[in-house]
Amino acid sequence: MWQFVKRLLGRDEMAVKVDPALIDRLVEIASPRIKLADNYRQRLAPMVLHAGERVQLLEEKLPAPLPLTTESWRQSALLNLAFANPERMAALVAASETVRQWFAEHPQSDRAFAVMAMAHEVAHRYGMEEQDGRVRQDVLQDVLVLRDHRFGDPVGTLGEFAQHAHLRAMEELAHHAARRIQGLEADRNLIENEINTLRVALRLGGSTNLLDASPMQRQRLKRLDFLQEELEQTRSGLEPAAQLGVLCATLRDPEGQLRFTETKLEVDALGILRPGDPQAHLIRLIEIEMIADIPVRRVLLPVEIPRSLIRREDGSPGEATIFNVTTF
């Protein structure tokens, strides 16, 4: 997609100068305390530039936006599998509050661009197939399932779409840094709570003189010394300069945080995997795995959304489609 967008915008090289507003935006996400570090913008600028270049290489894997129209649905095997029919496609778009709100706020726009994210799995199901001249109804089949459709924030032009997608990827890197910093803050709070509990136990447990303290008191004193060292290290890790280092490390390795994978599957019109079948459709899935406490994997598909898929104010659809909005 990005080669296509770069040609559209007439730019082949990334701007050398990093916008200070972008740096501050990433810092606000990661931790505002980073602003207390000396020369934080100067230190982050090359890291932001590097991350932007690496993220751009990842984003080039994405295809150009697919129009969510009946004609496009008929021609695209991927849209066929994402939506059972054009009516279902219209229903899911109409069910998105984000999309409806955007069109309400942009009455002059007849289309919007957004990233549609879907969960995908290969499910094992029993189905009907002809084998050796006989029709069997108990054949185990591997079926591609795309579900849980979600639309990202829409924009009005392809240029805005490219910029928005790039910014969201950079922000996600800052969120990775924020999670690491928040983990340190949680560790600090746990250590401080345990230290406070130990100090109460020491006050109530008798002598704290190593010569005549009880075995339990000596164990408490040893544990207290250990926790105080841990607390000192944790607090050091939360100093502005150290938090700046966390954000720099995240921006230095975008591929380690945002993992794009490409999966190619040969499927029939029903989504059944048919490897090696010359009649099968080749489906290319671009999937992102966002590393967190619980990794999240989503198929990403840029789409062009016509206003006609959104209900008019009088409640009738913008085109002749059946709306049966369901929860997804």
Protein backbone atom coordinates (compact mmCIF):
# COMPACT_ATOMS: atom_id res chain seq x y z
CA MET A 1 0.00 0.00 0.00
CA TRP A 2 2.70 2.48 0.92
CA GLN A 3 4.40 2.48 -2.47
CA PHE A 4 1.00 3.32 -3.90
CA VAL A 5 0.43 6.10 -1.37
CA LYS A 6 3.92 7.56 -1.83
CA ARG A 7 3.32 7.82 -5.57
CA LEU A 8 -0.02 9.44 -4.88
CA LEU A 9 1.54 12.04 -2.60
CA GLY A 10 4.55 12.55 -4.86
CA ARG A 11 7.08 11.89 -2.10
CA ASP A 12 9.69 9.16 -2.13
CA GLU A 13 11.71 10.02 0.94
CA MET A 14 10.73 10.43 4.55
CA ALA A 15 11.19 13.92 5.98
CA VAL A 16 14.49 14.22 7.80
CA LYS A 17 13.19 16.63 10.40
CA VAL A 18 11.16 15.05 13.19
CA ASP A 19 8.19 17.10 14.33
CA PRO A 20 8.62 18.04 18.04
CA ALA A 21 4.85 17.69 18.42
CA LEU A 22 5.14 14.01 17.41
CA ILE A 23 7.91 13.47 19.97
CA ASP A 24 5.81 15.07 22.69
CA ARG A 25 2.78 13.01 21.68
CA LEU A 26 4.73 9.79 22.06
CA VAL A 27 6.15 10.98 25.38
CA GLU A 28 2.67 11.79 26.71
CA ILE A 29 1.61 8.24 25.91
CA ALA A 30 4.69 6.56 27.35
CA SER A 31 5.09 8.75 30.45
CA PRO A 32 4.89 12.55 30.83
CA ARG A 33 7.76 12.37 33.36
CA ILE A 34 10.12 11.77 30.44
CA LYS A 35 9.87 15.51 29.75
CA LEU A 36 11.90 16.08 32.91
CA ALA A 37 14.91 14.32 31.37
CA ASP A 38 17.65 16.52 29.93
CA ASN A 39 17.43 17.08 26.17
CA TYR A 40 14.68 14.49 25.80
CA ARG A 41 13.63 15.76 22.37
CA GLN A 42 17.17 15.72 20.98
CA ARG A 43 17.74 12.22 22.30
CA LEU A 44 14.42 10.91 20.99
CA ALA A 45 14.56 12.53 17.55
CA PRO A 46 16.90 9.95 15.91
CA MET A 47 14.98 7.12 17.56
CA VAL A 48 11.65 8.44 16.28
CA LEU A 49 13.13 8.82 12.80
CA HIS A 50 14.51 5.27 12.89
CA ALA A 51 11.22 3.84 14.16
CA GLY A 52 9.29 5.71 11.49
CA GLU A 53 11.45 4.25 8.75
CA ARG A 54 11.11 0.71 10.12
CA VAL A 55 7.36 1.07 10.63
CA GLN A 56 7.04 2.28 7.05
CA LEU A 57 8.69 -0.92 5.82
CA LEU A 58 6.20 -2.95 7.84
CA GLU A 59 3.25 -0.93 6.55
CA GLU A 60 4.29 -1.49 2.94
CA LYS A 61 2.97 -5.01 3.35
CA LEU A 62 -0.58 -3.67 3.50
CA PRO A 63 -2.60 -3.63 0.25
CA ALA A 64 -4.37 -0.59 -1.19
CA PRO A 65 -7.85 0.01 0.33
CA LEU A 66 -10.59 -2.27 -0.99
CA PRO A 67 -13.93 -0.56 -1.73
CA LEU A 68 -16.78 -2.02 0.31
CA THR A 69 -19.18 -2.18 -2.62
CA THR A 70 -21.30 -4.95 -4.09
CA GLU A 71 -19.13 -5.03 -7.20
CA SER A 72 -15.94 -5.25 -5.17
CA TRP A 73 -17.47 -8.01 -3.03
CA ARG A 74 -18.21 -10.01 -6.18
CA GLN A 75 -14.64 -9.64 -7.44
CA SER A 76 -12.64 -10.06 -4.22
CA ALA A 77 -12.30 -13.53 -2.74
CA LEU A 78 -11.11 -11.98 0.53
CA LEU A 79 -14.22 -9.81 0.87
CA ASN A 80 -16.29 -12.89 0.07
CA LEU A 81 -14.82 -14.62 3.08
CA ALA A 82 -14.93 -11.55 5.33
CA PHE A 83 -18.64 -11.01 4.64
CA ALA A 84 -21.18 -13.70 3.79
CA ASN A 85 -22.94 -11.33 1.36
CA PRO A 86 -23.17 -7.60 0.55
CA GLU A 87 -26.05 -7.25 3.00
CA ARG A 88 -23.89 -8.55 5.82
CA MET A 89 -21.12 -6.18 4.75
CA ALA A 90 -23.51 -3.24 4.91
CA ALA A 91 -24.86 -4.39 8.26
CA LEU A 92 -21.46 -4.56 9.89
CA VAL A 93 -20.47 -1.16 8.57
CA ALA A 94 -23.76 0.34 9.77
CA ALA A 95 -23.19 -1.28 13.18
CA SER A 96 -19.95 0.64 13.68
CA GLU A 97 -20.56 3.71 15.83
CA THR A 98 -17.13 5.04 14.82
CA VAL A 99 -18.02 4.97 11.12
CA ARG A 100 -21.53 6.37 11.60
CA GLN A 101 -20.23 9.21 13.74
CA TRP A 102 -17.57 10.13 11.21
CA PHE A 103 -20.07 10.41 8.36
CA ALA A 104 -22.40 12.43 10.59
CA GLU A 105 -19.56 14.89 11.26
CA HIS A 106 -18.54 15.04 7.57
CA PRO A 107 -21.82 15.50 5.66
CA GLN A 108 -20.03 16.52 2.44
CA SER A 109 -17.91 13.35 2.25
CA ASP A 110 -19.21 10.50 0.12
CA ARG A 111 -16.54 8.03 1.23
CA ALA A 112 -14.10 7.32 4.04
CA PHE A 113 -10.95 5.24 4.44
CA ALA A 114 -10.20 3.08 7.46
CA VAL A 115 -8.42 -0.07 8.55
CA MET A 116 -10.71 -3.00 9.24
CA ALA A 117 -9.31 -5.50 11.74
CA MET A 118 -10.55 -9.07 12.02
CA ALA A 119 -9.73 -12.11 14.07
CA HIS A 120 -9.01 -15.19 12.02
CA GLU A 121 -8.75 -18.89 12.66
CA VAL A 122 -8.74 -22.13 10.73
CA ALA A 123 -11.60 -24.15 12.20
CA HIS A 124 -12.08 -27.91 11.89
CA ARG A 125 -15.58 -28.82 10.76
CA TYR A 126 -17.40 -31.74 9.24
CA GLY A 127 -18.90 -31.07 5.83
CA MET A 128 -20.21 -32.67 2.67
CA GLU A 129 -17.88 -33.72 -0.15
CA GLU A 130 -17.83 -36.15 -3.04
CA GLN A 131 -15.20 -38.83 -2.63
CA ASP A 132 -14.73 -41.77 -5.02
CA GLY A 133 -18.06 -41.06 -6.69
CA ARG A 134 -19.97 -41.02 -3.40
CA VAL A 135 -21.27 -37.99 -1.48
CA ARG A 136 -20.15 -38.08 2.13
CA GLN A 137 -21.47 -35.73 4.82
CA ASP A 138 -18.87 -36.45 7.50
CA VAL A 139 -15.68 -35.18 5.84
CA LEU A 140 -13.39 -33.25 8.20
CA GLN A 141 -12.58 -29.89 6.62
CA ASP A 142 -10.31 -26.98 7.50
CA VAL A 143 -12.25 -23.75 7.09
CA LEU A 144 -10.93 -20.18 7.19
CA VAL A 145 -13.06 -18.07 9.54
CA LEU A 146 -12.87 -14.27 9.71
CA ARG A 147 -14.82 -12.73 12.58
CA ASP A 148 -15.01 -9.89 15.09
CA HIS A 149 -14.86 -7.11 12.49
CA ARG A 150 -13.75 -3.75 13.86
CA PHE A 151 -13.16 -0.47 12.06
CA GLY A 152 -10.43 1.98 12.98
CA ASP A 153 -10.91 5.75 12.92
CA PRO A 154 -11.98 6.82 9.42
CA VAL A 155 -10.39 9.64 7.42
CA GLY A 156 -11.46 11.40 4.25
CA THR A 157 -8.53 10.98 1.85
CA LEU A 158 -5.84 8.48 1.00
CA GLY A 159 -3.17 10.95 2.08
CA GLU A 160 -4.79 11.33 5.50
CA PHE A 161 -5.20 7.57 5.69
CA ALA A 162 -1.48 6.97 5.14
CA GLN A 163 -0.53 9.57 7.73
CA HIS A 164 -3.08 8.30 10.24
CA ALA A 165 -2.04 4.66 9.89
CA HIS A 166 1.60 5.64 10.36
CA LEU A 167 0.80 7.72 13.44
CA ARG A 168 -1.25 4.91 15.00
CA ALA A 169 1.67 2.50 14.56
CA MET A 170 4.04 4.96 16.22
CA GLU A 171 1.58 5.50 19.06
CA GLU A 172 1.34 1.75 19.57
CA LEU A 173 5.10 1.65 20.10
CA ALA A 174 4.74 4.35 22.75
CA HIS A 175 2.02 2.27 24.41
CA HIS A 176 4.48 -0.62 24.62
CA ALA A 177 6.89 1.63 26.50
CA ALA A 178 4.03 2.79 28.73
CA ARG A 179 3.19 -0.78 29.68
CA ARG A 180 6.80 -1.43 30.70
CA ILE A 181 6.91 1.74 32.80
CA GLN A 182 3.56 0.94 34.38
CA GLY A 183 4.90 -2.51 35.22
CA LEU A 184 7.78 -0.89 37.11
CA GLU A 185 5.35 1.36 38.94
CA ALA A 186 3.28 -1.66 39.95
CA ASP A 187 6.44 -3.42 41.19
CA ARG A 188 7.40 -0.35 43.22
CA ASN A 189 3.98 -0.22 44.86
CA LEU A 190 4.11 -3.93 45.75
CA ILE A 191 7.58 -3.57 47.26
CA GLU A 192 6.60 -0.48 49.25
CA ASN A 193 3.52 -2.26 50.62
CA GLU A 194 5.54 -5.29 51.67
CA ILE A 195 8.15 -3.06 53.32
CA ASN A 196 5.45 -1.27 55.30
CA THR A 197 3.96 -4.61 56.39
CA LEU A 198 7.40 -5.90 57.43
CA ARG A 199 8.13 -2.78 59.48
CA VAL A 200 4.89 -3.20 61.39
CA ALA A 201 5.72 -6.87 62.02
CA LEU A 202 9.21 -5.91 63.23
CA ARG A 203 7.82 -3.36 65.68
CA LEU A 204 5.45 -5.92 67.13
CA GLY A 205 7.82 -8.89 66.98
CA GLY A 206 10.25 -7.96 69.72
CA SER A 207 13.91 -7.07 69.60
CA THR A 208 15.51 -6.22 66.29
CA ASN A 209 19.05 -6.45 67.68
CA LEU A 210 20.81 -9.22 65.77
CA LEU A 211 22.36 -10.48 69.02
CA ASP A 212 19.11 -11.32 70.75
CA ALA A 213 16.46 -11.15 68.00
CA SER A 214 14.32 -14.21 67.39
CA PRO A 215 14.86 -16.31 64.25
CA MET A 216 11.65 -14.88 62.78
CA GLN A 217 12.82 -11.32 63.43
CA ARG A 218 16.18 -12.04 61.81
CA GLN A 219 14.39 -13.40 58.72
CA ARG A 220 12.27 -10.26 58.61
CA LEU A 221 15.34 -8.05 58.86
CA LYS A 222 17.05 -9.96 56.06
CA ARG A 223 13.94 -9.68 53.88
CA LEU A 224 13.71 -5.96 54.63
CA ASP A 225 17.29 -5.38 53.51
CA PHE A 226 16.62 -7.25 50.27
CA LEU A 227 13.40 -5.32 49.57
CA GLN A 228 15.06 -1.98 50.23
CA GLU A 229 17.70 -2.78 47.63
CA GLU A 230 14.98 -3.84 45.20
CA LEU A 231 13.07 -0.65 45.89
CA GLU A 232 16.13 1.46 45.22
CA GLN A 233 16.69 -0.24 41.86
CA THR A 234 13.03 0.06 40.92
CA ARG A 235 12.92 3.73 41.82
CA SER A 236 16.03 4.29 39.74
CA GLY A 237 14.27 2.66 36.83
CA LEU A 238 11.45 5.17 37.19
CA GLU A 239 13.64 8.26 37.06
CA PRO A 240 12.91 10.45 34.01
CA ALA A 241 16.20 9.55 32.32
CA ALA A 242 15.54 5.83 32.83
CA GLN A 243 12.00 6.13 31.46
CA LEU A 244 13.43 7.96 28.47
CA GLY A 245 15.71 4.95 27.98
CA VAL A 246 12.69 2.62 27.97
CA LEU A 247 11.00 4.64 25.23
CA CYS A 248 14.25 4.82 23.21
CA ALA A 249 14.69 1.06 23.46
CA THR A 250 11.14 0.48 22.22
CA LEU A 251 11.58 2.83 19.26
CA ARG A 252 14.93 1.23 18.45
CA ASP A 253 13.25 -2.15 17.82
CA PRO A 254 9.81 -1.65 16.21
CA GLU A 255 9.83 -5.14 14.70
CA GLY A 256 10.11 -6.59 18.19
CA GLN A 257 6.92 -4.82 19.24
CA LEU A 258 4.80 -4.80 16.06
CA ARG A 259 5.06 -8.10 14.24
CA PHE A 260 3.56 -8.22 10.77
CA THR A 261 3.12 -11.66 9.25
CA GLU A 262 1.86 -12.64 5.83
CA THR A 263 -0.15 -15.83 5.43
CA LYS A 264 -1.14 -17.23 2.05
CA LEU A 265 -3.99 -19.73 1.92
CA GLU A 266 -5.69 -21.50 -0.98
CA VAL A 267 -9.43 -21.68 -0.33
CA ASP A 268 -12.63 -22.35 -2.23
CA ALA A 269 -15.68 -20.08 -2.29
CA LEU A 270 -16.82 -21.45 1.06
CA GLY A 271 -13.50 -20.78 2.77
CA ILE A 272 -12.48 -24.45 2.84
CA LEU A 273 -8.71 -24.84 2.52
CA ARG A 274 -7.84 -26.49 -0.80
CA PRO A 275 -4.03 -26.53 -1.04
CA GLY A 276 -2.85 -27.40 -4.53
CA ASP A 277 -6.32 -27.11 -6.05
CA PRO A 278 -6.08 -25.12 -9.32
CA GLN A 279 -9.67 -23.92 -8.80
CA ALA A 280 -8.93 -22.47 -5.36
CA HIS A 281 -8.50 -18.76 -4.65
CA LEU A 282 -5.23 -17.56 -3.20
CA ILE A 283 -5.96 -15.47 -0.09
CA ARG A 284 -3.25 -13.19 1.32
CA LEU A 285 -3.72 -12.22 4.97
CA ILE A 286 -1.61 -9.48 6.55
CA GLU A 287 -1.71 -9.97 10.27
CA ILE A 288 -0.27 -7.93 13.11
CA GLU A 289 0.67 -9.38 16.46
CA MET A 290 0.82 -6.74 19.16
CA ILE A 291 3.04 -7.85 22.02
CA ALA A 292 1.48 -7.27 25.42
CA ASP A 293 0.69 -9.28 28.56
CA ILE A 294 -1.72 -11.19 26.31
CA PRO A 295 -0.55 -10.95 22.67
CA VAL A 296 -3.27 -9.90 20.23
CA ARG A 297 -3.33 -11.02 16.60
CA ARG A 298 -5.52 -9.26 14.05
CA VAL A 299 -5.84 -9.40 10.27
CA LEU A 300 -5.58 -5.85 8.88
CA LEU A 301 -7.42 -4.83 5.73
CA PRO A 302 -7.54 -1.21 4.49
CA VAL A 303 -11.02 -0.44 3.15
CA GLU A 304 -12.84 2.36 1.36
CA ILE A 305 -16.30 2.88 2.88
CA PRO A 306 -19.01 4.50 0.72
CA ARG A 307 -21.52 6.70 2.52
CA SER A 308 -24.23 4.61 0.84
CA LEU A 309 -23.59 1.84 3.38
CA ILE A 310 -24.77 4.08 6.23
CA ARG A 311 -28.43 4.57 6.97
CA ARG A 312 -29.95 7.90 6.05
CA GLU A 313 -31.47 10.03 8.77
CA ASP A 314 -34.97 8.84 7.83
CA GLY A 315 -33.93 5.32 8.75
CA SER A 316 -33.83 3.93 5.22
CA PRO A 317 -30.61 2.51 3.75
CA GLY A 318 -28.56 4.51 1.29
CA GLU A 319 -28.81 1.75 -1.29
CA ALA A 320 -31.01 -1.27 -1.88
CA THR A 321 -29.64 -3.54 0.82
CA ILE A 322 -31.17 -5.47 3.66
CA PHE A 323 -30.00 -4.25 7.08
CA ASN A 324 -29.98 -6.87 9.77
CA VAL A 325 -27.54 -5.39 12.27
CA THR A 326 -26.32 -8.02 14.68
CA THR A 327 -23.91 -7.92 17.57
CA PHE A 328 -20.39 -8.97 16.62
